Amino acid sequence: MTSSQPLEPLSAAGLDAIAKLTRDAGALIMDIYATDFAVRGKNDASPVTEADEKAEALLLKGLAKLFPGIPVVAEEAVAAGGVPEAVEDQFWLVDPLDGTKEFISRNGEFTVNVALVRQGQPVMGVVYTPALDKLYAGAQGLGAYMEHAGQRQAIQVRAVPDEGLTVVGSRSHGDADAMNAFLNGRKVAEFRSAGSSLKLCLVAAGEADLYPRLGRTMEWDIAAGHAVLAAAGGSVSRVDNGAPLTYGKPGFDNPHFVAAGQA
């Protein structure tokens, strides 16, 4: 089955509307962050909090109002067995609180992720980190930007500096041996650790060059960051065959991938 919603042109107004919606979700998350919130375990043993659930409810309501008819695949809904039937042509991927472990440890590196996927590729996305008040956004044909403290600036990937690559990796899911094997023979100047989808945004903003993910992720974890990176001139490809990473896969699991600027 396919989505019944026409594939309308992407617009700056639509991107701004999603940015506002993610900020609203971020404000709700920060209200809960300031409390002594409870942590529970899901069926897969991953943690979930009130912030995940309330932010997702806000995002689902907002997307239904802004873009009626486009199905939404959202992390907590999927965990509860709610997967839309029609996701082939276009659908939203939502992670209301990417980096729940970072949220629980209170290090600030958690994000709200919203992405629009069309025909297997993320074409519009917003990543907002409410604790840092940094928002990254991008859309196919519209470029990408970063907004902080009311100031917006365009971002794009950089050429690799002569001193070598800056590589970003996961703070909570690192595998040093696998990373070293992958990077064997490449000139690396710096390794940076970051939580959640911020790693993709660092590459998009020209602050890093490469993000190899050699472990399990779900589509909603990275689609928004992928959209921002693509709009900034970067790419995300599978490690096993070099093909572009696609979305709408059975189960919404990702293979190992590498996100790159001009590396």
Protein backbone atom coordinates (compact mmCIF):
# COMPACT_ATOMS: atom_id res chain seq x y z
CA MET A 1 0.00 0.00 0.00
CA THR A 2 1.08 3.60 -0.49
CA SER A 3 0.27 6.87 1.18
CA SER A 4 -2.76 8.63 -0.28
CA GLN A 5 -1.24 12.06 0.35
CA PRO A 6 0.08 13.78 -2.82
CA LEU A 7 3.82 14.38 -2.90
CA GLU A 8 3.68 18.14 -2.56
CA PRO A 9 6.80 20.27 -3.04
CA LEU A 10 8.93 20.79 0.03
CA SER A 11 8.84 24.34 1.37
CA ALA A 12 10.72 26.55 3.78
CA ALA A 13 7.41 27.21 5.53
CA GLY A 14 6.90 23.49 6.06
CA LEU A 15 10.41 23.11 7.43
CA ASP A 16 9.85 26.04 9.80
CA ALA A 17 6.59 24.49 10.99
CA ILE A 18 8.39 21.25 11.86
CA ALA A 19 11.14 23.22 13.59
CA LYS A 20 8.56 24.96 15.79
CA LEU A 21 6.89 21.64 16.57
CA THR A 22 10.19 20.09 17.68
CA ARG A 23 10.87 23.13 19.86
CA ASP A 24 7.48 22.69 21.51
CA ALA A 25 8.31 19.03 22.20
CA GLY A 26 11.70 20.09 23.53
CA ALA A 27 10.12 22.55 25.97
CA LEU A 28 7.88 19.79 27.31
CA ILE A 29 10.88 17.49 27.69
CA MET A 30 12.81 20.13 29.61
CA ASP A 31 9.89 20.59 32.02
CA ILE A 32 10.12 16.87 32.85
CA TYR A 33 13.95 16.98 32.88
CA ALA A 34 13.73 19.39 35.80
CA THR A 35 11.77 16.88 37.89
CA ASP A 36 12.62 13.61 39.62
CA PHE A 37 11.25 11.58 36.71
CA ALA A 38 10.82 7.81 36.76
CA VAL A 39 12.57 5.39 34.38
CA ARG A 40 10.92 2.19 33.14
CA GLY A 41 12.08 -0.63 30.87
CA LYS A 42 10.44 -1.50 27.54
CA ASN A 43 10.08 -5.01 26.14
CA ASP A 44 13.53 -4.77 24.52
CA ALA A 45 15.01 -3.69 27.88
CA SER A 46 15.71 -0.15 26.64
CA PRO A 47 14.70 2.67 28.98
CA VAL A 48 11.66 4.92 28.56
CA THR A 49 10.44 7.92 30.53
CA GLU A 50 7.40 10.15 30.76
CA ALA A 51 9.27 12.61 28.55
CA ASP A 52 9.48 10.11 25.65
CA GLU A 53 5.74 9.40 25.80
CA LYS A 54 4.42 12.93 26.27
CA ALA A 55 6.73 14.40 23.62
CA GLU A 56 5.64 11.74 21.14
CA ALA A 57 1.96 12.49 21.81
CA LEU A 58 2.59 16.19 21.16
CA LEU A 59 4.47 15.47 17.93
CA LEU A 60 1.85 13.05 16.61
CA LYS A 61 -0.93 15.55 17.25
CA GLY A 62 1.05 18.36 15.62
CA LEU A 63 1.96 16.36 12.51
CA ALA A 64 -1.64 15.22 12.05
CA LYS A 65 -2.77 18.85 12.13
CA LEU A 66 0.01 20.25 9.91
CA PHE A 67 0.19 17.41 7.36
CA PRO A 68 -3.02 15.36 7.52
CA GLY A 69 -2.96 12.05 5.68
CA ILE A 70 0.76 11.33 5.92
CA PRO A 71 1.38 8.26 8.11
CA VAL A 72 3.76 8.48 11.05
CA VAL A 73 6.17 5.85 12.31
CA ALA A 74 7.09 6.83 15.88
CA GLU A 75 9.38 4.97 18.27
CA GLU A 76 7.09 4.55 21.26
CA ALA A 77 4.06 3.74 19.12
CA VAL A 78 6.02 1.02 17.31
CA ALA A 79 7.16 -0.36 20.67
CA ALA A 80 3.48 -0.65 21.58
CA GLY A 81 2.66 -2.41 18.30
CA GLY A 82 1.38 0.60 16.34
CA VAL A 83 2.84 0.51 12.82
CA PRO A 84 0.97 2.27 9.98
CA GLU A 85 -0.01 0.10 7.02
CA ALA A 86 0.90 2.66 4.39
CA VAL A 87 4.47 3.94 4.39
CA GLU A 88 5.74 3.28 0.87
CA ASP A 89 5.57 6.67 -0.87
CA GLN A 90 6.06 8.97 2.10
CA PHE A 91 5.85 8.90 5.85
CA TRP A 92 7.17 10.65 8.94
CA LEU A 93 9.78 9.10 11.19
CA VAL A 94 9.67 10.41 14.75
CA ASP A 95 11.97 9.84 17.70
CA PRO A 96 10.55 12.05 20.46
CA LEU A 97 13.60 11.65 22.69
CA ASP A 98 16.67 10.27 20.98
CA GLY A 99 19.31 9.60 23.58
CA THR A 100 17.11 8.52 26.49
CA LYS A 101 20.27 7.26 28.23
CA GLU A 102 21.76 10.75 27.88
CA PHE A 103 18.51 12.22 29.23
CA ILE A 104 18.64 9.90 32.24
CA SER A 105 22.31 10.66 32.91
CA ARG A 106 21.53 14.38 32.47
CA ASN A 107 24.43 15.19 30.16
CA GLY A 108 22.27 17.29 27.82
CA GLU A 109 23.03 15.38 24.62
CA PHE A 110 19.52 14.21 23.78
CA THR A 111 17.43 15.33 20.85
CA VAL A 112 13.99 15.51 19.30
CA ASN A 113 14.04 14.03 15.78
CA VAL A 114 11.42 14.47 13.06
CA ALA A 115 11.99 13.45 9.42
CA LEU A 116 9.92 13.15 6.26
CA VAL A 117 10.80 10.14 4.13
CA ARG A 118 9.86 9.96 0.45
CA GLN A 119 10.45 6.89 -1.67
CA GLY A 120 12.97 5.53 0.78
CA GLN A 121 15.01 8.70 1.36
CA PRO A 122 14.76 11.32 4.13
CA VAL A 123 14.03 14.59 2.34
CA MET A 124 13.30 16.91 5.28
CA GLY A 125 14.41 16.74 8.87
CA VAL A 126 14.82 18.63 12.12
CA VAL A 127 17.05 17.69 15.06
CA TYR A 128 16.59 19.79 18.20
CA THR A 129 18.66 19.48 21.34
CA PRO A 130 16.60 21.29 23.97
CA ALA A 131 19.17 21.26 26.80
CA LEU A 132 21.66 23.06 24.52
CA ASP A 133 19.01 25.01 22.57
CA LYS A 134 20.57 24.04 19.25
CA LEU A 135 18.39 23.18 16.29
CA TYR A 136 19.56 21.66 13.02
CA ALA A 137 17.23 21.59 10.02
CA GLY A 138 17.42 20.79 6.34
CA ALA A 139 15.41 19.78 3.32
CA GLN A 140 16.09 18.58 -0.18
CA GLY A 141 16.58 21.60 -2.43
CA LEU A 142 16.45 24.06 0.49
CA GLY A 143 19.85 23.56 2.13
CA ALA A 144 20.53 23.15 5.83
CA TYR A 145 20.94 25.46 8.79
CA MET A 146 21.77 25.54 12.48
CA GLU A 147 19.92 27.83 14.87
CA HIS A 148 21.15 28.79 18.33
CA ALA A 149 20.21 31.64 20.68
CA GLY A 150 17.93 33.13 18.04
CA GLN A 151 20.66 33.21 15.39
CA ARG A 152 20.36 31.11 12.22
CA GLN A 153 23.28 30.24 9.97
CA ALA A 154 23.56 28.06 6.89
CA ILE A 155 25.68 24.92 7.31
CA GLN A 156 27.42 22.60 4.87
CA VAL A 157 29.93 19.78 4.93
CA ARG A 158 33.60 20.63 4.69
CA ALA A 159 36.58 19.35 2.76
CA VAL A 160 38.77 17.09 4.90
CA PRO A 161 41.57 19.17 6.49
CA ASP A 162 45.16 18.32 5.65
CA GLU A 163 45.77 17.14 9.21
CA GLY A 164 43.21 14.38 8.77
CA LEU A 165 39.67 13.29 9.59
CA THR A 166 37.63 14.26 12.59
CA VAL A 167 35.61 11.14 13.37
CA VAL A 168 32.55 11.10 15.61
CA GLY A 169 31.25 8.10 17.50
CA SER A 170 28.61 7.15 20.00
CA ARG A 171 28.95 8.02 23.66
CA SER A 172 26.67 5.20 24.84
CA HIS A 173 27.30 2.49 22.23
CA GLY A 174 31.00 2.64 21.42
CA ASP A 175 32.97 -0.31 20.03
CA ALA A 176 36.60 0.79 19.85
CA ASP A 177 37.90 -2.38 18.19
CA ALA A 178 35.35 -2.28 15.37
CA MET A 179 35.94 1.45 14.86
CA ASN A 180 39.72 1.03 14.68
CA ALA A 181 39.37 -1.81 12.16
CA PHE A 182 37.05 0.31 9.99
CA LEU A 183 39.41 3.31 10.04
CA ASN A 184 42.55 1.25 9.39
CA GLY A 185 44.86 3.13 7.05
CA ARG A 186 42.97 6.44 7.19
CA LYS A 187 44.56 9.57 8.60
CA VAL A 188 42.60 10.59 11.70
CA ALA A 189 43.33 13.86 13.46
CA GLU A 190 40.67 13.68 16.16
CA PHE A 191 37.99 11.43 17.55
CA ARG A 192 34.94 13.03 19.13
CA SER A 193 32.30 11.30 21.20
CA ALA A 194 28.71 12.52 21.14
CA GLY A 195 25.30 11.24 22.06
CA SER A 196 22.19 10.71 19.96
CA SER A 197 21.74 12.12 16.44
CA LEU A 198 24.08 15.03 17.11
CA LYS A 199 26.83 12.99 15.43
CA LEU A 200 25.18 13.36 12.01
CA CYS A 201 24.64 17.07 12.64
CA LEU A 202 28.31 17.61 13.50
CA VAL A 203 29.23 16.20 10.10
CA ALA A 204 26.55 18.35 8.43
CA ALA A 205 27.89 21.48 10.12
CA GLY A 206 31.47 20.84 9.01
CA GLU A 207 32.66 20.16 12.55
CA ALA A 208 33.46 16.53 11.74
CA ASP A 209 34.05 14.44 8.62
CA LEU A 210 32.96 10.89 9.30
CA TYR A 211 30.54 9.00 11.51
CA PRO A 212 30.79 5.22 11.15
CA ARG A 213 28.02 3.41 13.03
CA LEU A 214 29.02 -0.22 13.47
CA GLY A 215 26.15 -1.27 15.66
CA ARG A 216 22.39 -1.49 15.76
CA THR A 217 20.21 1.56 15.15
CA MET A 218 16.59 2.09 14.19
CA GLU A 219 15.40 4.27 11.35
CA TRP A 220 13.86 6.88 13.66
CA ASP A 221 17.22 7.27 15.40
CA ILE A 222 18.95 8.75 12.37
CA ALA A 223 16.47 9.81 9.66
CA ALA A 224 16.26 13.46 10.75
CA GLY A 225 20.03 13.79 11.04
CA HIS A 226 20.41 12.04 7.68
CA ALA A 227 18.05 14.60 6.09
CA VAL A 228 20.05 17.50 7.55
CA LEU A 229 23.33 15.95 6.41
CA ALA A 230 22.04 15.31 2.88
CA ALA A 231 20.77 18.90 2.64
CA ALA A 232 24.23 20.08 3.74
CA GLY A 233 25.94 18.08 0.97
CA GLY A 234 26.77 14.85 2.79
CA SER A 235 25.68 11.25 2.48
CA VAL A 236 24.87 8.11 4.45
CA SER A 237 25.73 4.73 2.97
CA ARG A 238 25.73 1.09 3.99
CA VAL A 239 29.05 -0.35 5.15
CA ASP A 240 28.42 -3.75 3.57
CA ASN A 241 27.90 -2.66 -0.04
CA GLY A 242 28.32 1.11 -0.23
CA ALA A 243 24.72 1.67 -1.35
CA PRO A 244 22.74 4.65 -0.04
CA LEU A 245 20.94 3.89 3.20
CA THR A 246 17.19 3.60 2.63
CA TYR A 247 14.14 3.81 4.89
CA GLY A 248 10.90 1.90 5.25
CA LYS A 249 12.73 -1.40 5.68
CA PRO A 250 10.96 -4.36 7.33
CA GLY A 251 11.25 -3.92 11.08
CA PHE A 252 12.83 -0.46 10.61
CA ASP A 253 16.29 -1.77 11.58
CA ASN A 254 19.38 -0.24 10.00
CA PRO A 255 22.47 -2.11 8.81
CA HIS A 256 25.89 -0.75 9.76
CA PHE A 257 26.39 2.58 7.98
CA VAL A 258 28.81 5.44 7.54
CA ALA A 259 27.79 9.10 7.41
CA ALA A 260 30.25 11.34 5.57
CA GLY A 261 30.80 14.88 4.49
CA GLN A 262 33.42 15.05 1.75
CA ALA A 263 35.46 12.26 3.31
